[in-house]
Protein backbone atom coordinates (compact mmCIF):
# COMPACT_ATOMS: atom_id res chain seq x y z
CA MET A 1 -12.30 39.36 -27.98
CA GLU A 2 -15.51 40.16 -25.69
CA GLN A 3 -17.74 37.33 -24.76
CA LEU A 4 -21.20 37.42 -26.39
CA VAL A 5 -23.88 36.03 -24.19
CA TRP A 6 -26.56 34.84 -26.71
CA ASP A 7 -29.46 35.49 -24.43
CA GLU A 8 -28.72 39.27 -24.94
CA ILE A 9 -29.75 38.97 -28.73
CA THR A 10 -32.77 37.21 -28.12
CA GLY A 11 -35.47 39.96 -29.53
CA GLN A 12 -33.20 42.44 -30.26
CA PRO A 13 -32.93 44.23 -33.76
CA LEU A 14 -30.06 43.25 -35.79
CA THR A 15 -27.87 46.66 -35.72
CA PRO A 16 -24.85 47.10 -37.19
CA GLN A 17 -23.04 46.70 -34.02
CA LEU A 18 -25.04 43.67 -32.94
CA PHE A 19 -24.00 41.88 -36.31
CA ASP A 20 -20.29 42.74 -35.74
CA ARG A 21 -20.40 41.13 -32.30
CA VAL A 22 -22.15 37.86 -33.41
CA TYR A 23 -19.71 38.00 -36.51
CA ASP A 24 -16.59 38.42 -34.43
CA ALA A 25 -17.74 35.74 -31.77
CA LEU A 26 -18.77 33.18 -34.60
CA PHE A 27 -16.69 33.67 -37.73
CA PRO A 28 -13.62 31.45 -36.80
CA ARG A 29 -15.97 28.65 -35.34
CA ILE A 30 -18.04 28.68 -38.58
CA TYR A 31 -15.09 28.84 -40.98
CA ASN A 32 -13.15 26.02 -38.79
CA TYR A 33 -16.16 23.77 -39.11
CA LEU A 34 -16.77 24.54 -42.73
CA SER A 35 -13.15 24.28 -43.33
CA TYR A 36 -13.37 20.35 -41.78
CA ARG A 37 -16.20 19.65 -44.23
CA THR A 38 -14.72 21.23 -47.46
CA THR A 39 -12.20 20.55 -50.35
CA SER A 40 -10.61 23.90 -50.37
CA ARG A 41 -10.23 27.36 -48.73
CA GLU A 42 -12.21 29.29 -51.33
CA GLU A 43 -15.05 26.95 -50.52
CA ALA A 44 -15.12 27.27 -46.99
CA GLU A 45 -14.86 31.07 -47.21
CA ASP A 46 -17.69 30.92 -49.69
CA LEU A 47 -20.03 29.00 -47.52
CA THR A 48 -19.11 31.16 -44.56
CA SER A 49 -20.08 34.15 -46.31
CA PHE A 50 -23.30 32.77 -47.29
CA VAL A 51 -24.18 31.87 -43.74
CA PHE A 52 -23.66 35.41 -42.73
CA GLU A 53 -25.93 36.57 -45.44
CA ARG A 54 -28.60 34.40 -44.38
CA LEU A 55 -28.00 35.55 -41.05
CA ILE A 56 -28.70 39.07 -41.95
CA THR A 57 -31.80 38.19 -44.27
CA HIS A 58 -33.28 35.66 -42.28
CA TYR A 59 -32.46 37.12 -38.66
CA HIS A 60 -36.39 38.09 -38.15
CA GLN A 61 -37.13 34.45 -38.41
CA PHE A 62 -34.93 33.19 -35.68
CA ASP A 63 -37.33 31.78 -32.41
CA PRO A 64 -35.72 31.16 -29.28
CA LYS A 65 -38.46 28.77 -28.62
CA ARG A 66 -37.01 26.39 -31.16
CA GLY A 67 -33.39 26.33 -29.74
CA SER A 68 -30.36 28.52 -29.13
CA PHE A 69 -29.33 31.21 -31.36
CA GLU A 70 -25.80 29.47 -31.81
CA GLY A 71 -27.44 26.26 -32.67
CA TRP A 72 -29.56 28.46 -35.33
CA ILE A 73 -26.46 29.44 -37.05
CA PHE A 74 -24.63 26.39 -37.20
CA THR A 75 -28.15 25.02 -38.63
CA ILE A 76 -27.49 27.41 -41.37
CA ALA A 77 -24.20 26.34 -41.71
CA ARG A 78 -24.93 22.73 -42.12
CA ASN A 79 -27.72 23.52 -44.51
CA ALA A 80 -25.55 25.45 -46.72
CA LEU A 81 -22.86 22.69 -46.69
CA ILE A 82 -25.54 20.23 -47.80
CA SER A 83 -26.95 22.35 -50.51
CA GLN A 84 -23.30 22.69 -51.74
CA SER A 85 -22.58 19.05 -51.41
CA ARG A 86 -25.82 18.50 -53.59
CA ARG A 87 -24.58 20.85 -56.38
CA HIS A 88 -20.92 19.02 -56.31
CA THR A 89 -21.90 15.43 -56.06
CA ARG A 90 -18.82 14.63 -58.19
CA HIS A 91 -16.41 16.27 -55.68
CA PRO A 92 -15.92 13.90 -52.48
CA GLN A 93 -15.94 15.75 -49.26
CA THR A 94 -12.19 15.27 -47.96
CA GLY A 95 -12.43 16.99 -44.57
CA LEU A 96 -9.74 19.42 -43.65
CA ASP A 97 -8.79 21.99 -46.26
CA GLU A 98 -5.35 22.50 -47.16
CA THR A 99 -4.98 26.05 -45.66
CA LEU A 100 -4.76 24.07 -42.29
CA MET A 101 -1.34 23.55 -43.85
CA ASP A 102 -0.38 26.98 -44.70
CA GLU A 103 1.92 28.38 -42.11
CA SER A 104 0.75 31.90 -42.80
CA GLN A 105 -2.54 31.22 -41.42
CA PRO A 106 -1.93 29.66 -38.22
CA GLY A 107 -4.69 27.67 -36.17
CA PRO A 108 -4.87 25.51 -33.57
CA THR A 109 -4.32 22.48 -35.10
CA GLU A 110 -0.88 23.46 -36.62
CA HIS A 111 0.45 24.30 -33.24
CA VAL A 112 -0.66 20.39 -32.03
CA LEU A 113 0.35 18.73 -35.49
CA ASN A 114 3.04 19.00 -38.13
CA HIS A 115 2.55 18.94 -41.60
CA GLU A 116 2.80 15.24 -42.39
CA GLU A 117 0.52 14.34 -39.71
CA LEU A 118 -2.04 17.39 -40.31
CA TYR A 119 -2.16 15.65 -43.99
CA ARG A 120 -2.65 12.04 -42.89
CA LEU A 121 -5.45 13.44 -40.27
CA GLN A 122 -7.32 14.96 -43.04
CA GLN A 123 -6.67 11.37 -45.50
CA TYR A 124 -8.12 9.48 -42.35
CA ILE A 125 -11.15 11.99 -41.62
CA ALA A 126 -12.27 11.54 -45.38
CA ARG A 127 -12.25 7.77 -44.74
CA LEU A 128 -14.64 8.02 -42.07
CA GLY A 129 -18.61 7.70 -42.25
CA GLU A 130 -20.56 10.92 -43.07
CA ARG A 131 -21.67 11.17 -39.26
CA ASP A 132 -18.35 10.48 -37.81
CA ARG A 133 -17.03 13.23 -40.14
CA GLU A 134 -19.78 15.44 -39.30
CA LEU A 135 -19.54 14.96 -35.39
CA ILE A 136 -15.80 15.48 -35.41
CA ALA A 137 -16.38 18.87 -37.79
CA LEU A 138 -19.04 20.07 -35.17
CA ARG A 139 -17.11 19.17 -32.11
CA TYR A 140 -13.25 20.27 -33.31
CA GLY A 141 -14.03 22.66 -36.27
CA ALA A 142 -16.84 24.47 -34.65
CA GLU A 143 -15.94 23.77 -30.97
CA LEU A 144 -19.54 23.09 -30.15
CA SER A 145 -20.24 21.46 -26.74
CA GLN A 146 -22.04 17.87 -26.82
CA ARG A 147 -25.12 19.29 -25.89
CA ARG A 148 -25.15 21.93 -28.76
CA ILE A 149 -24.23 19.08 -31.29
CA GLY A 150 -27.18 17.12 -29.90
CA GLU A 151 -29.45 19.89 -30.50
CA LEU A 152 -28.47 20.32 -34.12
CA LEU A 153 -28.59 16.46 -34.82
CA ASN A 154 -31.38 15.54 -32.95
CA MET A 155 -29.51 13.42 -30.32
CA SER A 156 -29.35 13.13 -26.90
CA GLU A 157 -26.05 14.74 -25.01
CA GLY A 158 -25.01 10.89 -24.18
CA ASN A 159 -25.61 9.85 -27.55
CA VAL A 160 -23.49 12.48 -28.98
CA ALA A 161 -20.72 11.57 -26.37
CA VAL A 162 -21.00 7.90 -27.18
CA ALA A 163 -21.01 8.29 -31.04
CA LEU A 164 -18.16 10.91 -30.64
CA GLY A 165 -16.03 8.48 -28.76
CA ARG A 166 -16.64 6.00 -31.07
CA ALA A 167 -15.85 8.20 -34.17
CA LEU A 168 -12.58 9.38 -32.58
CA ARG A 169 -11.60 5.68 -31.65
CA ARG A 170 -12.01 4.66 -35.50
CA LEU A 171 -9.92 7.64 -36.26
CA ARG A 172 -7.30 6.74 -33.78
CA ARG A 173 -7.44 2.96 -35.33
CA LEU A 174 -6.44 4.43 -38.74
CA PHE A 175 -3.48 6.11 -37.37
CA GLU A 176 -2.22 3.05 -35.30
CA ALA A 177 -2.84 0.90 -38.27
CA GLU A 178 -0.44 2.61 -40.27
CA GLU A 179 2.28 2.77 -37.64
CA VAL A 180 2.36 -1.04 -37.24
């Protein structure tokens, strides 16, 4: 896949070719991020579609002075997720969706964890606080750097590193507590 340089798109009109490049570069990361934060594959797919629809309709509103293009798109994804959560307050967010356990759709997590461990991971992530789940989803689902996460969450890069480290330690403790 071609590496997209985000500075290339600043000030460029959204042509079908540019949209294809952005879509190819970001679809897997946006979908993974939303999969970490939703309860079903269908919900993650719907939200991902919504994000790209918003990209098309609001592309002209992107302002590089306010942040990076990548950050702008992930802000759209976060806002879509928040709106979805408000509409479905009766359904708790459980983290990873069941499609990560489907062998027909391999992902990076499946290569590392077997199905039982993935299920446990899903359960443990759901037990973490909202901030911890958000940090883990942005870092590992969306594959954002700590700097980008800081931009999205209005945190310094150092604070992101500390908060993410603590979230991972809490997650590790949940795994270790079961093994005792």
